[in-house]
């Protein structure tokens, strides 16, 4: 257990709910292993209390913090600067606070997903992907998948989503600047979803559908659209086997969840805060088996 002293630095996770998160276990163990005098805590912060919380954390000279959905988008106007990737994505999951209080936003979700896919034996290079959702994580995955060489990305978004304009802008940017072909579809268009899934390599649920405590829900109204040649990824890690992943396993699909995405996006955040590499293998063996 880390000893808290008068010089201990603070890092944190902001969101609601956050009580289920394993991020404190992972970061605090990394601090201990490397002898870094810092601690990582969780704070229950909502969209309504985010601005007030950020003012307080800045005043307290926090070293950095993570954010969960939907705060990843809400934080952007409260920051002093954004990394190039965060500016492209329009969402932030990691904030670094300079000694003078200046806050810079980064997004490590996309690289976390790509590394977790590789860890599970699935390289997205040259592959056709179906992505469900338009929130911060979905946007990060879409951008990073295109940058990492995906051949096609079909993103399905609710017609009334408040993030639809941002999704449309990102799709245009990908098509204008990268060799990846990207398309946006209505989430309600189940006929197109079934057709696209039939020729796709991977389905990615980047929404909160199926996350605890609502574990009886699935992003797919009709699981018969799944087929054995499809890999199904769910960025949710609580529960580890969502209803979607159980449906996919029943259909003969390879599956993986968001546990290693959490590990790798956390490792990148750790590097940004400390300048040191997280001891990933030790953390994996202790908390991600």
Protein backbone atom coordinates (compact mmCIF):
# COMPACT_ATOMS: atom_id res chain seq x y z
CA UNK A 1 0.00 0.00 0.00
CA UNK A 2 1.28 3.48 -0.90
CA UNK A 3 2.20 5.78 1.99
CA UNK A 4 0.59 9.21 1.63
CA UNK A 5 2.88 12.05 2.68
CA UNK A 6 2.84 15.82 2.56
CA UNK A 7 4.38 15.70 -0.91
CA UNK A 8 2.16 13.00 -2.45
CA UNK A 9 0.85 13.98 -5.86
CA UNK A 10 -2.79 13.47 -6.82
CA UNK A 11 -4.25 11.89 -9.96
CA UNK A 12 -7.87 10.86 -10.33
CA UNK A 13 -10.82 9.55 -12.30
CA UNK A 14 -13.87 11.77 -12.77
CA UNK A 15 -17.25 10.32 -13.73
CA UNK A 16 -20.52 8.89 -12.51
CA UNK A 17 -20.66 6.08 -11.62
CA UNK A 18 -17.00 5.37 -10.84
CA UNK A 19 -17.18 3.02 -7.86
CA UNK A 20 -16.75 -0.03 -10.11
CA UNK A 21 -13.56 1.21 -11.78
CA UNK A 22 -10.32 -0.76 -11.51
CA UNK A 23 -8.26 2.26 -12.59
CA UNK A 24 -7.25 3.11 -8.99
CA UNK A 25 -5.91 -0.43 -8.49
CA UNK A 26 -3.90 -0.29 -11.69
CA UNK A 27 -2.40 3.19 -11.28
CA UNK A 28 -1.70 2.93 -7.57
CA UNK A 29 0.09 -0.39 -8.10
CA UNK A 30 2.16 1.17 -10.90
CA UNK A 31 3.08 4.08 -8.62
CA UNK A 32 4.12 1.60 -5.93
CA UNK A 33 6.17 -0.56 -8.27
CA UNK A 34 8.07 2.43 -9.64
CA UNK A 35 8.42 4.26 -6.33
CA UNK A 36 6.46 7.32 -7.51
CA UNK A 37 5.01 9.47 -4.71
CA UNK A 38 1.49 9.78 -6.13
CA UNK A 39 -1.99 8.41 -5.50
CA UNK A 40 -4.98 7.85 -7.81
CA UNK A 41 -8.54 8.35 -6.50
CA UNK A 42 -12.08 8.27 -7.89
CA UNK A 43 -14.44 11.25 -7.67
CA UNK A 44 -18.14 10.97 -8.50
CA UNK A 45 -18.62 13.91 -10.86
CA UNK A 46 -21.61 14.52 -13.13
CA UNK A 47 -22.06 16.73 -16.17
CA UNK A 48 -23.66 19.31 -13.89
CA UNK A 49 -20.77 19.38 -11.40
CA UNK A 50 -17.85 18.97 -13.84
CA UNK A 51 -16.94 22.65 -14.18
CA UNK A 52 -16.93 23.17 -10.43
CA UNK A 53 -14.85 20.02 -9.92
CA UNK A 54 -12.27 21.09 -12.51
CA UNK A 55 -11.87 24.50 -10.86
CA UNK A 56 -11.26 22.80 -7.52
CA UNK A 57 -8.78 20.28 -8.90
CA UNK A 58 -6.85 23.03 -10.69
CA UNK A 59 -6.67 25.03 -7.47
CA UNK A 60 -5.42 21.92 -5.62
CA UNK A 61 -2.68 21.43 -8.26
CA UNK A 62 -3.74 17.93 -9.25
CA UNK A 63 -1.17 16.36 -11.59
CA UNK A 64 -3.70 14.88 -13.96
CA UNK A 65 -6.97 13.03 -14.27
CA UNK A 66 -9.04 10.69 -16.43
CA UNK A 67 -12.67 11.10 -17.45
CA UNK A 68 -15.46 8.62 -18.22
CA UNK A 69 -18.48 9.00 -20.50
CA UNK A 70 -20.12 11.51 -20.99
CA UNK A 71 -17.55 13.87 -19.46
CA UNK A 72 -15.05 13.19 -22.26
CA UNK A 73 -16.86 15.69 -24.44
CA UNK A 74 -17.98 18.10 -21.74
CA UNK A 75 -14.40 18.69 -20.55
CA UNK A 76 -13.13 20.09 -23.87
CA UNK A 77 -14.21 23.76 -23.45
CA UNK A 78 -12.82 23.80 -19.91
CA UNK A 79 -9.24 23.05 -20.99
CA UNK A 80 -6.41 25.37 -22.02
CA UNK A 81 -5.10 23.22 -24.86
CA UNK A 82 -5.67 19.94 -26.72
CA UNK A 83 -3.27 17.45 -28.26
CA UNK A 84 -3.58 17.13 -32.06
CA UNK A 85 -5.41 13.79 -31.70
CA UNK A 86 -7.81 15.12 -29.08
CA UNK A 87 -8.53 18.12 -31.29
CA UNK A 88 -9.37 15.82 -34.21
CA UNK A 89 -11.53 13.55 -32.09
CA UNK A 90 -13.24 16.30 -30.08
CA UNK A 91 -13.10 14.27 -26.87
CA UNK A 92 -10.65 13.91 -24.00
CA UNK A 93 -10.11 11.05 -21.58
CA UNK A 94 -6.81 12.20 -20.05
CA UNK A 95 -5.83 15.64 -18.74
CA UNK A 96 -2.30 16.69 -17.81
CA UNK A 97 -1.96 19.64 -15.45
CA UNK A 98 1.26 21.66 -15.59
CA UNK A 99 2.78 23.11 -12.41
CA UNK A 100 1.31 26.51 -13.35
CA UNK A 101 -2.19 24.99 -13.54
CA UNK A 102 -2.42 24.86 -17.34
CA UNK A 103 -4.58 21.91 -18.44
CA UNK A 104 -3.98 19.98 -21.66
CA UNK A 105 -6.36 17.31 -22.90
CA UNK A 106 -5.34 14.07 -24.60
CA UNK A 107 -7.22 11.04 -25.87
CA UNK A 108 -5.69 7.62 -25.26
CA UNK A 109 -8.84 5.55 -25.90
CA UNK A 110 -8.13 4.86 -29.56
CA UNK A 111 -4.62 3.52 -29.09
CA UNK A 112 -5.88 1.56 -26.11
CA UNK A 113 -8.44 -0.21 -28.29
CA UNK A 114 -6.03 -0.93 -31.15
CA UNK A 115 -3.47 -2.42 -28.74
CA UNK A 116 -6.16 -4.48 -26.98
CA UNK A 117 -7.34 -5.87 -30.33
CA UNK A 118 -3.79 -6.92 -31.16
CA UNK A 119 -3.45 -8.46 -27.72
CA UNK A 120 -6.53 -10.58 -28.48
CA UNK A 121 -4.99 -11.65 -31.80
CA UNK A 122 -6.91 -9.31 -34.09
CA UNK A 123 -5.04 -6.80 -36.25
CA UNK A 124 -7.43 -4.25 -37.76
CA UNK A 125 -5.10 -3.34 -40.63
CA UNK A 126 -6.93 -3.85 -43.91
CA UNK A 127 -10.11 -4.96 -42.14
CA UNK A 128 -13.75 -3.90 -42.48
CA UNK A 129 -15.19 -2.65 -39.18
CA UNK A 130 -18.68 -1.90 -37.90
CA UNK A 131 -18.66 0.60 -35.05
CA UNK A 132 -21.69 1.25 -32.85
CA UNK A 133 -21.87 4.61 -31.10
CA UNK A 134 -20.75 8.22 -31.42
CA UNK A 135 -19.58 9.16 -27.93
CA UNK A 136 -16.03 9.94 -26.89
CA UNK A 137 -14.75 6.36 -26.99
CA UNK A 138 -16.44 5.61 -30.33
CA UNK A 139 -14.96 8.74 -31.88
CA UNK A 140 -11.49 7.87 -30.60
CA UNK A 141 -11.73 4.31 -31.92
CA UNK A 142 -13.00 5.50 -35.30
CA UNK A 143 -10.15 7.98 -35.72
CA UNK A 144 -7.43 5.61 -34.50
CA UNK A 145 -8.73 2.68 -36.57
CA UNK A 146 -8.56 4.83 -39.69
CA UNK A 147 -5.05 6.00 -38.77
CA UNK A 148 -4.02 2.39 -38.06
CA UNK A 149 -4.96 1.15 -41.53
CA UNK A 150 -8.54 -0.14 -41.38
CA UNK A 151 -9.90 -0.56 -44.90
CA UNK A 152 -13.52 0.40 -44.12
CA UNK A 153 -15.40 1.75 -41.14
CA UNK A 154 -19.19 1.69 -40.99
CA UNK A 155 -20.31 3.76 -38.01
CA UNK A 156 -23.89 3.42 -36.76
CA UNK A 157 -25.28 6.36 -34.79
CA UNK A 158 -28.72 7.13 -33.40
CA UNK A 159 -30.52 9.57 -35.71
CA UNK A 160 -31.20 11.90 -32.77
CA UNK A 161 -27.74 11.61 -31.21
CA UNK A 162 -26.35 14.91 -29.96
CA UNK A 163 -22.98 13.75 -31.30
CA UNK A 164 -24.17 13.11 -34.85
CA UNK A 165 -22.75 16.35 -36.32
CA UNK A 166 -19.35 15.56 -34.83
CA UNK A 167 -19.49 12.02 -36.22
CA UNK A 168 -20.35 13.35 -39.68
CA UNK A 169 -17.42 15.78 -39.52
CA UNK A 170 -14.97 13.02 -38.53
CA UNK A 171 -16.21 10.74 -41.32
CA UNK A 172 -15.63 13.55 -43.84
CA UNK A 173 -12.13 14.17 -42.49
CA UNK A 174 -11.23 10.49 -42.72
CA UNK A 175 -12.49 10.23 -46.31
CA UNK A 176 -10.70 13.46 -47.29
CA UNK A 177 -7.33 12.73 -45.68
CA UNK A 178 -6.86 8.98 -45.25
CA UNK A 179 -7.11 5.89 -47.52
CA UNK A 180 -9.74 4.36 -45.22
CA UNK A 181 -13.32 4.43 -46.53
CA UNK A 182 -15.75 5.60 -43.83
CA UNK A 183 -19.56 5.69 -43.87
CA UNK A 184 -22.15 6.90 -41.37
CA UNK A 185 -25.48 5.08 -40.95
CA UNK A 186 -28.57 5.43 -38.79
CA UNK A 187 -28.60 3.08 -35.84
CA UNK A 188 -32.27 2.42 -36.56
CA UNK A 189 -31.49 1.13 -40.07
CA UNK A 190 -31.38 -2.54 -39.08
CA UNK A 191 -31.52 -3.72 -42.70
CA UNK A 192 -28.30 -1.90 -43.58
CA UNK A 193 -26.70 -3.06 -40.32
CA UNK A 194 -27.42 -6.69 -41.18
CA UNK A 195 -26.13 -6.24 -44.72
CA UNK A 196 -22.90 -4.53 -43.65
CA UNK A 197 -22.24 -7.02 -40.85
CA UNK A 198 -22.48 -9.87 -43.34
CA UNK A 199 -19.27 -8.77 -45.03
CA UNK A 200 -17.43 -7.31 -42.05
CA UNK A 201 -14.49 -8.56 -40.00
CA UNK A 202 -15.25 -6.91 -36.67
CA UNK A 203 -18.19 -5.44 -34.76
CA UNK A 204 -17.31 -2.95 -32.01
CA UNK A 205 -19.78 -1.81 -29.38
CA UNK A 206 -18.53 1.58 -28.22
CA UNK A 207 -21.73 2.53 -26.38
CA UNK A 208 -22.70 2.00 -22.74
CA UNK A 209 -25.50 -0.42 -23.70
CA UNK A 210 -25.06 -3.54 -21.57
CA UNK A 211 -22.92 -1.91 -18.89
CA UNK A 212 -23.68 -2.54 -15.22
CA UNK A 213 -26.21 -2.15 -13.76
CA UNK A 214 -28.23 -2.58 -17.02
CA UNK A 215 -26.65 -5.90 -17.94
CA UNK A 216 -29.76 -7.34 -19.60
CA UNK A 217 -29.51 -5.13 -22.69
CA UNK A 218 -27.68 -5.55 -26.01
CA UNK A 219 -26.86 -3.12 -28.80
CA UNK A 220 -28.19 -5.69 -31.29
CA UNK A 221 -31.98 -6.09 -31.36
CA UNK A 222 -31.55 -9.21 -33.52
CA UNK A 223 -28.46 -11.36 -32.76
CA UNK A 224 -29.12 -13.51 -35.85
CA UNK A 225 -27.09 -10.95 -37.86
CA UNK A 226 -23.94 -12.31 -36.20
CA UNK A 227 -21.87 -14.92 -38.05
CA UNK A 228 -18.85 -17.09 -37.16
CA UNK A 229 -16.41 -15.09 -39.30
CA UNK A 230 -17.06 -11.96 -37.25
CA UNK A 231 -15.01 -10.81 -34.27
CA UNK A 232 -17.11 -8.96 -31.68
CA UNK A 233 -15.53 -6.44 -29.35
CA UNK A 234 -17.33 -4.69 -26.49
CA UNK A 235 -15.47 -1.82 -24.83
CA UNK A 236 -17.46 -2.46 -21.63
CA UNK A 237 -15.52 -4.32 -18.94
CA UNK A 238 -18.20 -4.40 -16.22
CA UNK A 239 -19.51 -7.03 -16.66
CA UNK A 240 -16.67 -8.79 -18.45
CA UNK A 241 -19.15 -10.85 -20.48
CA UNK A 242 -21.94 -8.55 -21.63
CA UNK A 243 -25.14 -9.85 -23.19
CA UNK A 244 -23.70 -8.87 -26.59
CA UNK A 245 -20.59 -10.98 -26.03
CA UNK A 246 -22.70 -13.94 -24.89
CA UNK A 247 -24.84 -13.59 -28.02
CA UNK A 248 -21.68 -13.46 -30.13
CA UNK A 249 -20.21 -16.56 -28.49
CA UNK A 250 -23.46 -18.42 -29.15
CA UNK A 251 -23.12 -17.43 -32.83
CA UNK A 252 -19.56 -18.79 -33.01
CA UNK A 253 -17.83 -15.40 -33.03
CA UNK A 254 -14.45 -14.62 -31.49
CA UNK A 255 -14.94 -12.02 -28.73
CA UNK A 256 -13.02 -9.70 -26.45
CA UNK A 257 -14.03 -7.00 -23.96
CA UNK A 258 -12.71 -3.62 -22.86
CA UNK A 259 -10.39 -4.82 -20.12
CA UNK A 260 -7.17 -4.52 -22.11
CA UNK A 261 -8.36 -1.30 -23.74
CA UNK A 262 -8.56 0.04 -20.20
CA UNK A 263 -5.07 -1.27 -19.46
CA UNK A 264 -3.42 0.26 -22.52
CA UNK A 265 -5.21 3.60 -22.47
CA UNK A 266 -4.29 3.79 -18.79
CA UNK A 267 -0.67 3.00 -19.57
CA UNK A 268 -0.52 5.90 -22.01
CA UNK A 269 -2.15 8.26 -19.47
CA UNK A 270 0.40 7.11 -16.88
CA UNK A 271 3.23 7.95 -19.27
CA UNK A 272 1.80 11.41 -19.93
CA UNK A 273 1.54 12.15 -16.18
CA UNK A 274 4.86 10.70 -15.04
CA UNK A 275 7.15 10.48 -18.06
CA UNK A 276 7.63 6.79 -17.23
CA UNK A 277 6.27 3.61 -18.79
CA UNK A 278 3.70 1.73 -16.75
CA UNK A 279 4.89 -1.80 -15.84
CA UNK A 280 2.16 -3.31 -18.01
CA UNK A 281 3.01 -6.98 -17.57
CA UNK A 282 2.97 -6.76 -13.78
CA UNK A 283 -0.33 -4.88 -13.84
CA UNK A 284 -1.81 -7.34 -16.32
CA UNK A 285 -0.89 -10.36 -14.20
CA UNK A 286 -2.33 -8.84 -11.04
CA UNK A 287 -5.58 -7.24 -12.25
CA UNK A 288 -6.41 -8.41 -15.79
CA UNK A 289 -6.24 -12.21 -15.68
